[in-house]
Amino acid sequence: MIQPETASSSAAARLLGAIYTGGIIIAEGLTVTVDARLGLVAYTLLMVALVYTISLNWQNAANRVLVALLFVPLVRLLTLALPLSYFSTVNQFGVLGFVLLIACLMAVTRLNLSWGAVGLIPRRPLLQLIIAATGVGIGWLEYTLLEPAAIVVADDWPALIVPAVMVFIYAGLTEELVFRGIMQHLAQAALGAAGAVILVATVFATLHLGTDFPLAVGLAFAQGVYFGTVAMVTRSITGVIVAHGIATVLSLLILPNGLL
């Protein structure tokens, strides 16, 4: 039986959340600035520590913030341990998306979460459509500020259909289900709505430290706060899934190829 959250347990959850978020930042910093192998070790130790801490008092509801943070070393261990160098960039999106969707399905099942609880119900459909449309502006802004190279070079639209689907599934569906769906829902039980949004946005931005664009970290944090706030207010991630997917397809595929 899950024990109800108290003021002391909530304070402990905030402290542990801050400590482990700091650990994630350090592990990611080691990965991108020192050696990926060192990052692999750091993330492995972080995951072991998280599992051990959670096991000490599994029935405390405040521990759900730590369960949420478990997804971060899982994602990075997958990217560091899988032989992704054998795949093209777009195929890496496909492989990671497939593996993480399976992990999400297992997590939702084992944690007794409903799909509605993690936001996969399109509440207020018209509003979700408006939110989805903001992905066009976000994608244009990302491309304008960062000017990333196309991950697939193409001269026409048909050549981008399969890559666009793979990128949309990974960046839109998988990332939003992990971060704004499962992680934010779990963290909210201990940190409250605003605390959960900030925590998840911070972690989301941290995982962009390895990009070639320092500005991308700030943009990722702002994007995380926006998507998290929308998901919190509407209690649905369907709009942000589409917005995130559209933004990434535009900034990495369509605009770099000059197709708009």
C-alpha atoms as a PDB file:
ATOM      1  CA  MET A   1       0.000   0.000   0.000  1.00  0.00           C
ATOM      2  CA  ILE A   2       1.362   3.444  -0.967  1.00  0.00           C
ATOM      3  CA  GLN A   3       1.764   5.675   2.070  1.00  0.00           C
ATOM      4  CA  PRO A   4       0.284   9.178   1.813  1.00  0.00           C
ATOM      5  CA  GLU A   5       2.705  12.026   1.345  1.00  0.00           C
ATOM      6  CA  THR A   6       3.544  14.174   4.382  1.00  0.00           C
ATOM      7  CA  ALA A   7       5.343  17.526   4.644  1.00  0.00           C
ATOM      8  CA  SER A   8       8.553  15.804   5.754  1.00  0.00           C
ATOM      9  CA  SER A   9       8.415  13.206   2.981  1.00  0.00           C
ATOM     10  CA  SER A  10       7.749  15.941   0.429  1.00  0.00           C
ATOM     11  CA  ALA A  11      10.786  17.892   1.644  1.00  0.00           C
ATOM     12  CA  ALA A  12      12.893  14.737   1.468  1.00  0.00           C
ATOM     13  CA  ALA A  13      11.658  14.072  -2.065  1.00  0.00           C
ATOM     14  CA  ARG A  14      12.631  17.596  -3.135  1.00  0.00           C
ATOM     15  CA  LEU A  15      16.083  17.187  -1.611  1.00  0.00           C
ATOM     16  CA  LEU A  16      16.671  13.787  -3.178  1.00  0.00           C
ATOM     17  CA  GLY A  17      15.287  15.019  -6.473  1.00  0.00           C
ATOM     18  CA  ALA A  18      17.750  17.922  -6.432  1.00  0.00           C
ATOM     19  CA  ILE A  19      20.661  15.644  -5.486  1.00  0.00           C
ATOM     20  CA  TYR A  20      19.948  13.107  -8.205  1.00  0.00           C
ATOM     21  CA  THR A  21      19.285  15.822 -10.780  1.00  0.00           C
ATOM     22  CA  GLY A  22      22.729  17.172  -9.924  1.00  0.00           C
ATOM     23  CA  GLY A  23      24.066  13.656 -10.420  1.00  0.00           C
ATOM     24  CA  ILE A  24      22.457  13.543 -13.866  1.00  0.00           C
ATOM     25  CA  ILE A  25      24.051  16.865 -14.815  1.00  0.00           C
ATOM     26  CA  ILE A  26      27.471  15.604 -13.676  1.00  0.00           C
ATOM     27  CA  ALA A  27      27.072  12.285 -15.507  1.00  0.00           C
ATOM     28  CA  GLU A  28      26.010  14.046 -18.710  1.00  0.00           C
ATOM     29  CA  GLY A  29      28.872  16.512 -18.376  1.00  0.00           C
ATOM     30  CA  LEU A  30      31.342  13.635 -18.094  1.00  0.00           C
ATOM     31  CA  THR A  31      29.747  11.969 -21.110  1.00  0.00           C
ATOM     32  CA  VAL A  32      30.003  14.943 -23.452  1.00  0.00           C
ATOM     33  CA  THR A  33      33.166  16.687 -22.227  1.00  0.00           C
ATOM     34  CA  VAL A  34      35.455  13.907 -20.953  1.00  0.00           C
ATOM     35  CA  ASP A  35      34.728  10.411 -22.256  1.00  0.00           C
ATOM     36  CA  ALA A  36      31.542   8.570 -23.174  1.00  0.00           C
ATOM     37  CA  ARG A  37      32.862   5.466 -21.401  1.00  0.00           C
ATOM     38  CA  LEU A  38      33.207   7.443 -18.185  1.00  0.00           C
ATOM     39  CA  GLY A  39      29.668   8.680 -18.712  1.00  0.00           C
ATOM     40  CA  LEU A  40      28.508   5.083 -19.115  1.00  0.00           C
ATOM     41  CA  VAL A  41      30.022   4.211 -15.738  1.00  0.00           C
ATOM     42  CA  ALA A  42      28.560   7.333 -14.120  1.00  0.00           C
ATOM     43  CA  TYR A  43      25.055   6.645 -15.400  1.00  0.00           C
ATOM     44  CA  THR A  44      25.280   2.991 -14.353  1.00  0.00           C
ATOM     45  CA  LEU A  45      26.245   4.004 -10.814  1.00  0.00           C
ATOM     46  CA  LEU A  46      23.477   6.604 -10.820  1.00  0.00           C
ATOM     47  CA  MET A  47      20.884   4.028 -11.808  1.00  0.00           C
ATOM     48  CA  VAL A  48      22.068   1.602  -9.130  1.00  0.00           C
ATOM     49  CA  ALA A  49      21.925   4.370  -6.516  1.00  0.00           C
ATOM     50  CA  LEU A  50      18.422   5.371  -7.580  1.00  0.00           C
ATOM     51  CA  VAL A  51      17.137   1.800  -7.430  1.00  0.00           C
ATOM     52  CA  TYR A  52      18.717   1.314  -3.987  1.00  0.00           C
ATOM     53  CA  THR A  53      17.272   4.573  -2.616  1.00  0.00           C
ATOM     54  CA  ILE A  54      13.808   3.731  -3.913  1.00  0.00           C
ATOM     55  CA  SER A  55      13.984   0.224  -2.419  1.00  0.00           C
ATOM     56  CA  LEU A  56      14.621   1.632   1.059  1.00  0.00           C
ATOM     57  CA  ASN A  57      11.077   2.966   1.260  1.00  0.00           C
ATOM     58  CA  TRP A  58       9.216   1.836  -1.835  1.00  0.00           C
ATOM     59  CA  GLN A  59       5.773   2.428  -0.307  1.00  0.00           C
ATOM     60  CA  ASN A  60       6.355   6.153   0.212  1.00  0.00           C
ATOM     61  CA  ALA A  61       4.484   8.147  -2.444  1.00  0.00           C
ATOM     62  CA  ALA A  62       7.256  10.763  -2.447  1.00  0.00           C
ATOM     63  CA  ASN A  63       9.623   8.190  -3.944  1.00  0.00           C
ATOM     64  CA  ARG A  64       7.792   8.519  -7.232  1.00  0.00           C
ATOM     65  CA  VAL A  65      10.027  11.466  -8.147  1.00  0.00           C
ATOM     66  CA  LEU A  66      12.988   9.070  -7.989  1.00  0.00           C
ATOM     67  CA  VAL A  67      11.115   6.530 -10.086  1.00  0.00           C
ATOM     68  CA  ALA A  68      10.604   9.313 -12.613  1.00  0.00           C
ATOM     69  CA  LEU A  69      14.326  10.094 -12.661  1.00  0.00           C
ATOM     70  CA  LEU A  70      15.119   6.441 -13.382  1.00  0.00           C
ATOM     71  CA  PHE A  71      14.112   7.062 -16.982  1.00  0.00           C
ATOM     72  CA  VAL A  72      17.078   9.391 -17.500  1.00  0.00           C
ATOM     73  CA  PRO A  73      19.912   6.895 -16.920  1.00  0.00           C
ATOM     74  CA  LEU A  74      17.822   4.333 -18.808  1.00  0.00           C
ATOM     75  CA  VAL A  75      17.673   6.586 -21.873  1.00  0.00           C
ATOM     76  CA  ARG A  76      21.359   7.486 -21.723  1.00  0.00           C
ATOM     77  CA  LEU A  77      22.521   3.931 -21.066  1.00  0.00           C
ATOM     78  CA  LEU A  78      20.602   2.865 -24.142  1.00  0.00           C
ATOM     79  CA  THR A  79      22.209   5.567 -26.282  1.00  0.00           C
ATOM     80  CA  LEU A  80      25.675   4.821 -24.902  1.00  0.00           C
ATOM     81  CA  ALA A  81      25.532   1.022 -24.849  1.00  0.00           C
ATOM     82  CA  LEU A  82      23.638   0.201 -28.045  1.00  0.00           C
ATOM     83  CA  PRO A  83      25.817  -0.044 -31.186  1.00  0.00           C
ATOM     84  CA  LEU A  84      24.115   2.990 -32.712  1.00  0.00           C
ATOM     85  CA  SER A  85      27.204   3.999 -34.690  1.00  0.00           C
ATOM     86  CA  TYR A  86      26.274   1.274 -37.197  1.00  0.00           C
ATOM     87  CA  PHE A  87      23.042   3.120 -37.994  1.00  0.00           C
ATOM     88  CA  SER A  88      22.369   6.380 -39.768  1.00  0.00           C
ATOM     89  CA  THR A  89      21.096   9.256 -37.631  1.00  0.00           C
ATOM     90  CA  VAL A  90      17.503   8.772 -38.700  1.00  0.00           C
ATOM     91  CA  ASN A  91      17.682   5.014 -38.076  1.00  0.00           C
ATOM     92  CA  GLN A  92      19.050   5.750 -34.610  1.00  0.00           C
ATOM     93  CA  PHE A  93      15.830   7.671 -33.983  1.00  0.00           C
ATOM     94  CA  GLY A  94      13.876   4.602 -35.048  1.00  0.00           C
ATOM     95  CA  VAL A  95      15.826   2.131 -32.888  1.00  0.00           C
ATOM     96  CA  LEU A  96      15.708   4.299 -29.778  1.00  0.00           C
ATOM     97  CA  GLY A  97      12.059   5.131 -30.289  1.00  0.00           C
ATOM     98  CA  PHE A  98      11.129   1.455 -30.525  1.00  0.00           C
ATOM     99  CA  VAL A  99      13.121   0.461 -27.428  1.00  0.00           C
ATOM    100  CA  LEU A 100      11.850   3.360 -25.338  1.00  0.00           C
ATOM    101  CA  LEU A 101       8.233   2.793 -26.314  1.00  0.00           C
ATOM    102  CA  ILE A 102       8.558  -0.764 -24.994  1.00  0.00           C
ATOM    103  CA  ALA A 103      10.092   0.626 -21.783  1.00  0.00           C
ATOM    104  CA  CYS A 104       7.193   3.093 -21.467  1.00  0.00           C
ATOM    105  CA  LEU A 105       4.633   0.335 -21.924  1.00  0.00           C
ATOM    106  CA  MET A 106       6.327  -1.740 -19.217  1.00  0.00           C
ATOM    107  CA  ALA A 107       6.543   1.243 -16.859  1.00  0.00           C
ATOM    108  CA  VAL A 108       2.898   2.209 -17.264  1.00  0.00           C
ATOM    109  CA  THR A 109       1.865  -1.405 -16.688  1.00  0.00           C
ATOM    110  CA  ARG A 110       4.121  -2.090 -13.687  1.00  0.00           C
ATOM    111  CA  LEU A 111       3.342   1.232 -11.984  1.00  0.00           C
ATOM    112  CA  ASN A 112      -0.415   0.705 -12.469  1.00  0.00           C
ATOM    113  CA  LEU A 113      -0.757   3.960 -14.376  1.00  0.00           C
ATOM    114  CA  SER A 114      -3.602   4.561 -16.773  1.00  0.00           C
ATOM    115  CA  TRP A 115      -2.988   6.046 -20.201  1.00  0.00           C
ATOM    116  CA  GLY A 116      -5.217   8.904 -19.138  1.00  0.00           C
ATOM    117  CA  ALA A 117      -2.970   9.559 -16.142  1.00  0.00           C
ATOM    118  CA  VAL A 118       0.039  10.042 -18.411  1.00  0.00           C
ATOM    119  CA  GLY A 119      -1.933  12.282 -20.754  1.00  0.00           C
ATOM    120  CA  LEU A 120      -2.645  10.066 -23.747  1.00  0.00           C
ATOM    121  CA  ILE A 121      -6.254  11.196 -23.939  1.00  0.00           C
ATOM    122  CA  PRO A 122      -6.982  14.234 -26.180  1.00  0.00           C
ATOM    123  CA  ARG A 123      -8.942  16.339 -23.703  1.00  0.00           C
ATOM    124  CA  ARG A 124     -10.376  19.539 -25.233  1.00  0.00           C
ATOM    125  CA  PRO A 125      -9.565  18.513 -28.836  1.00  0.00           C
ATOM    126  CA  LEU A 126      -9.773  22.000 -30.356  1.00  0.00           C
ATOM    127  CA  LEU A 127      -7.250  23.312 -27.839  1.00  0.00           C
ATOM    128  CA  GLN A 128      -4.981  20.337 -28.549  1.00  0.00           C
ATOM    129  CA  LEU A 129      -5.074  21.203 -32.259  1.00  0.00           C
ATOM    130  CA  ILE A 130      -4.042  24.776 -31.484  1.00  0.00           C
ATOM    131  CA  ILE A 131      -1.197  23.515 -29.284  1.00  0.00           C
ATOM    132  CA  ALA A 132      -0.117  21.115 -32.037  1.00  0.00           C
ATOM    133  CA  ALA A 133       0.020  24.003 -34.522  1.00  0.00           C
ATOM    134  CA  THR A 134       2.535  25.850 -32.337  1.00  0.00           C
ATOM    135  CA  GLY A 135       5.050  23.217 -33.420  1.00  0.00           C
ATOM    136  CA  VAL A 136       5.398  25.084 -36.723  1.00  0.00           C
ATOM    137  CA  GLY A 137       6.612  28.211 -34.957  1.00  0.00           C
ATOM    138  CA  ILE A 138       8.868  26.243 -32.614  1.00  0.00           C
ATOM    139  CA  GLY A 139      10.455  24.361 -35.505  1.00  0.00           C
ATOM    140  CA  TRP A 140      11.035  27.579 -37.470  1.00  0.00           C
ATOM    141  CA  LEU A 141      12.584  29.249 -34.399  1.00  0.00           C
ATOM    142  CA  GLU A 142      14.892  26.295 -33.727  1.00  0.00           C
ATOM    143  CA  TYR A 143      16.089  26.211 -37.319  1.00  0.00           C
ATOM    144  CA  THR A 144      16.542  29.988 -37.479  1.00  0.00           C
ATOM    145  CA  LEU A 145      18.596  30.144 -34.283  1.00  0.00           C
ATOM    146  CA  LEU A 146      20.590  26.919 -34.605  1.00  0.00           C
ATOM    147  CA  GLU A 147      20.730  26.295 -38.383  1.00  0.00           C
ATOM    148  CA  PRO A 148      21.278  22.527 -38.003  1.00  0.00           C
ATOM    149  CA  ALA A 149      22.306  20.420 -40.989  1.00  0.00           C
ATOM    150  CA  ALA A 150      19.714  18.074 -42.449  1.00  0.00           C
ATOM    151  CA  ILE A 151      19.938  14.578 -40.968  1.00  0.00           C
ATOM    152  CA  VAL A 152      18.736  13.248 -44.343  1.00  0.00           C
ATOM    153  CA  VAL A 153      19.572  15.059 -47.575  1.00  0.00           C
ATOM    154  CA  ALA A 154      16.674  15.043 -50.050  1.00  0.00           C
ATOM    155  CA  ASP A 155      15.544  16.976 -53.120  1.00  0.00           C
ATOM    156  CA  ASP A 156      11.835  16.237 -52.826  1.00  0.00           C
ATOM    157  CA  TRP A 157       9.107  15.504 -50.292  1.00  0.00           C
ATOM    158  CA  PRO A 158       8.608  11.752 -50.964  1.00  0.00           C
ATOM    159  CA  ALA A 159      12.203  11.008 -49.929  1.00  0.00           C
ATOM    160  CA  LEU A 160      11.476  12.454 -46.482  1.00  0.00           C
ATOM    161  CA  ILE A 161       8.288  10.532 -45.679  1.00  0.00           C
ATOM    162  CA  VAL A 162       9.886   7.560 -43.888  1.00  0.00           C
ATOM    163  CA  PRO A 163      12.549   9.658 -42.080  1.00  0.00           C
ATOM    164  CA  ALA A 164       9.862  12.126 -40.994  1.00  0.00           C
ATOM    165  CA  VAL A 165       7.720   9.336 -39.532  1.00  0.00           C
ATOM    166  CA  MET A 166      10.690   7.913 -37.592  1.00  0.00           C
ATOM    167  CA  VAL A 167      11.720  11.318 -36.264  1.00  0.00           C
ATOM    168  CA  PHE A 168       8.126  12.161 -35.342  1.00  0.00           C
ATOM    169  CA  ILE A 169       7.695   8.912 -33.402  1.00  0.00           C
ATOM    170  CA  TYR A 170      10.924   9.361 -31.461  1.00  0.00           C
ATOM    171  CA  ALA A 171      10.949  13.119 -30.814  1.00  0.00           C
ATOM    172  CA  GLY A 172       7.200  13.574 -30.607  1.00  0.00           C
ATOM    173  CA  LEU A 173       5.598  10.451 -29.209  1.00  0.00           C
ATOM    174  CA  THR A 174       8.450   8.797 -27.308  1.00  0.00           C
ATOM    175  CA  GLU A 175      10.120  11.847 -25.766  1.00  0.00           C
ATOM    176  CA  GLU A 176       6.846  13.449 -24.706  1.00  0.00           C
ATOM    177  CA  LEU A 177       5.524  10.183 -23.264  1.00  0.00           C
ATOM    178  CA  VAL A 178       8.741   9.750 -21.262  1.00  0.00           C
ATOM    179  CA  PHE A 179       9.216  13.342 -20.090  1.00  0.00           C
ATOM    180  CA  ARG A 180       5.844  15.131 -19.970  1.00  0.00           C
ATOM    181  CA  GLY A 181       3.803  11.952 -19.643  1.00  0.00           C
ATOM    182  CA  ILE A 182       5.357   9.465 -17.237  1.00  0.00           C
ATOM    183  CA  MET A 183       8.153  11.486 -15.585  1.00  0.00           C
ATOM    184  CA  GLN A 184       6.123  14.625 -14.961  1.00  0.00           C
ATOM    185  CA  HIS A 185       3.118  12.661 -13.712  1.00  0.00           C
ATOM    186  CA  LEU A 186       5.255  10.729 -11.221  1.00  0.00           C
ATOM    187  CA  ALA A 187       7.214  13.790 -10.063  1.00  0.00           C
ATOM    188  CA  GLN A 188       4.059  15.824  -9.523  1.00  0.00           C
ATOM    189  CA  ALA A 189       2.999  13.532  -6.676  1.00  0.00           C
ATOM    190  CA  ALA A 190       5.999  14.677  -4.635  1.00  0.00           C
ATOM    191  CA  LEU A 191       6.934  18.096  -6.015  1.00  0.00           C
ATOM    192  CA  GLY A 192       3.625  19.604  -7.054  1.00  0.00           C
ATOM    193  CA  ALA A 193       2.767  20.738 -10.567  1.00  0.00           C
ATOM    194  CA  ALA A 194       5.246  23.612 -10.899  1.00  0.00           C
ATOM    195  CA  GLY A 195       8.088  21.667  -9.289  1.00  0.00           C
ATOM    196  CA  ALA A 196       7.520  18.721 -11.603  1.00  0.00           C
ATOM    197  CA  VAL A 197       7.521  20.952 -14.691  1.00  0.00           C
ATOM    198  CA  ILE A 198      10.826  22.591 -13.689  1.00  0.00           C
ATOM    199  CA  LEU A 199      12.492  19.300 -12.726  1.00  0.00           C
ATOM    200  CA  VAL A 200      11.570  17.559 -15.976  1.00  0.00           C
ATOM    201  CA  ALA A 201      12.480  20.603 -18.091  1.00  0.00           C
ATOM    202  CA  THR A 202      15.877  20.759 -16.365  1.00  0.00           C
ATOM    203  CA  VAL A 203      16.562  17.099 -17.045  1.00  0.00           C
ATOM    204  CA  PHE A 204      15.319  17.447 -20.625  1.00  0.00           C
ATOM    205  CA  ALA A 205      17.681  20.386 -21.209  1.00  0.00           C
ATOM    206  CA  THR A 206      20.592  18.529 -19.586  1.00  0.00           C
ATOM    207  CA  LEU A 207      20.274  15.754 -22.142  1.00  0.00           C
ATOM    208  CA  HIS A 208      20.944  18.365 -24.859  1.00  0.00           C
ATOM    209  CA  LEU A 209      24.415  19.192 -23.506  1.00  0.00           C
ATOM    210  CA  GLY A 210      25.995  16.986 -26.139  1.00  0.00           C
ATOM    211  CA  THR A 211      24.642  18.946 -29.105  1.00  0.00           C
ATOM    212  CA  ASP A 212      26.891  21.163 -31.214  1.00  0.00           C
ATOM    213  CA  PHE A 213      24.821  24.205 -30.272  1.00  0.00           C
ATOM    214  CA  PRO A 214      25.124  25.602 -26.692  1.00  0.00           C
ATOM    215  CA  LEU A 215      21.962  27.633 -27.325  1.00  0.00           C
ATOM    216  CA  ALA A 216      20.107  24.349 -27.808  1.00  0.00           C
ATOM    217  CA  VAL A 217      20.263  23.702 -24.053  1.00  0.00           C
ATOM    218  CA  GLY A 218      18.426  26.945 -23.280  1.00  0.00           C
ATOM    219  CA  LEU A 219      15.914  26.321 -26.040  1.00  0.00           C
ATOM    220  CA  ALA A 220      15.325  22.783 -24.745  1.00  0.00           C
ATOM    221  CA  PHE A 221      14.660  24.118 -21.240  1.00  0.00           C
ATOM    222  CA  ALA A 222      12.206  26.731 -22.540  1.00  0.00           C
ATOM    223  CA  GLN A 223      10.540  24.095 -24.708  1.00  0.00           C
ATOM    224  CA  GLY A 224      10.338  21.753 -21.724  1.00  0.00           C
ATOM    225  CA  VAL A 225       8.697  24.406 -19.560  1.00  0.00           C
ATOM    226  CA  TYR A 226       6.202  25.241 -22.313  1.00  0.00           C
ATOM    227  CA  PHE A 227       5.298  21.630 -23.079  1.00  0.00           C
ATOM    228  CA  GLY A 228       5.211  20.739 -19.388  1.00  0.00           C
ATOM    229  CA  THR A 229       2.944  23.643 -18.514  1.00  0.00           C
ATOM    230  CA  VAL A 230       0.579  22.811 -21.364  1.00  0.00           C
ATOM    231  CA  ALA A 231       0.474  19.162 -20.334  1.00  0.00           C
ATOM    232  CA  MET A 232      -0.172  20.136 -16.712  1.00  0.00           C
ATOM    233  CA  VAL A 233      -2.967  22.594 -17.532  1.00  0.00           C
ATOM    234  CA  THR A 234      -4.758  20.474 -20.132  1.00  0.00           C
ATOM    235  CA  ARG A 235      -3.991  17.097 -18.477  1.00  0.00           C
ATOM    236  CA  SER A 236      -3.090  15.778 -21.921  1.00  0.00           C
ATOM    237  CA  ILE A 237       0.114  15.378 -23.906  1.00  0.00           C
ATOM    238  CA  THR A 238      -1.518  14.767 -27.285  1.00  0.00           C
ATOM    239  CA  GLY A 239      -1.075  18.357 -28.438  1.00  0.00           C
ATOM    240  CA  VAL A 240       2.558  18.589 -27.332  1.00  0.00           C
ATOM    241  CA  ILE A 241       3.341  15.228 -28.944  1.00  0.00           C
ATOM    242  CA  VAL A 242       2.280  16.623 -32.316  1.00  0.00           C
ATOM    243  CA  ALA A 243       3.899  20.023 -31.683  1.00  0.00           C
ATOM    244  CA  HIS A 244       7.227  18.456 -30.702  1.00  0.00           C
ATOM    245  CA  GLY A 245       7.119  16.069 -33.641  1.00  0.00           C
ATOM    246  CA  ILE A 246       6.323  18.824 -36.145  1.00  0.00           C
ATOM    247  CA  ALA A 247       9.034  21.102 -34.716  1.00  0.00           C
ATOM    248  CA  THR A 248      11.725  18.433 -34.970  1.00  0.00           C
ATOM    249  CA  VAL A 249      10.730  17.303 -38.464  1.00  0.00           C
ATOM    250  CA  LEU A 250      10.765  20.920 -39.639  1.00  0.00           C
ATOM    251  CA  SER A 251      14.106  21.844 -38.046  1.00  0.00           C
ATOM    252  CA  LEU A 252      16.020  18.673 -38.926  1.00  0.00           C
ATOM    253  CA  LEU A 253      14.479  17.568 -42.219  1.00  0.00           C
ATOM    254  CA  ILE A 254      12.266  20.002 -44.109  1.00  0.00           C
ATOM    255  CA  LEU A 255      13.818  23.443 -43.563  1.00  0.00           C
ATOM    256  CA  PRO A 256      17.488  22.345 -43.893  1.00  0.00           C
ATOM    257  CA  ASN A 257      16.609  20.788 -47.261  1.00  0.00           C
ATOM    258  CA  GLY A 258      14.970  24.007 -48.427  1.00  0.00           C
ATOM    259  CA  LEU A 259      11.598  22.370 -49.012  1.00  0.00           C
ATOM    260  CA  LEU A 260       9.635  25.274 -47.544  1.00  0.00           C
END
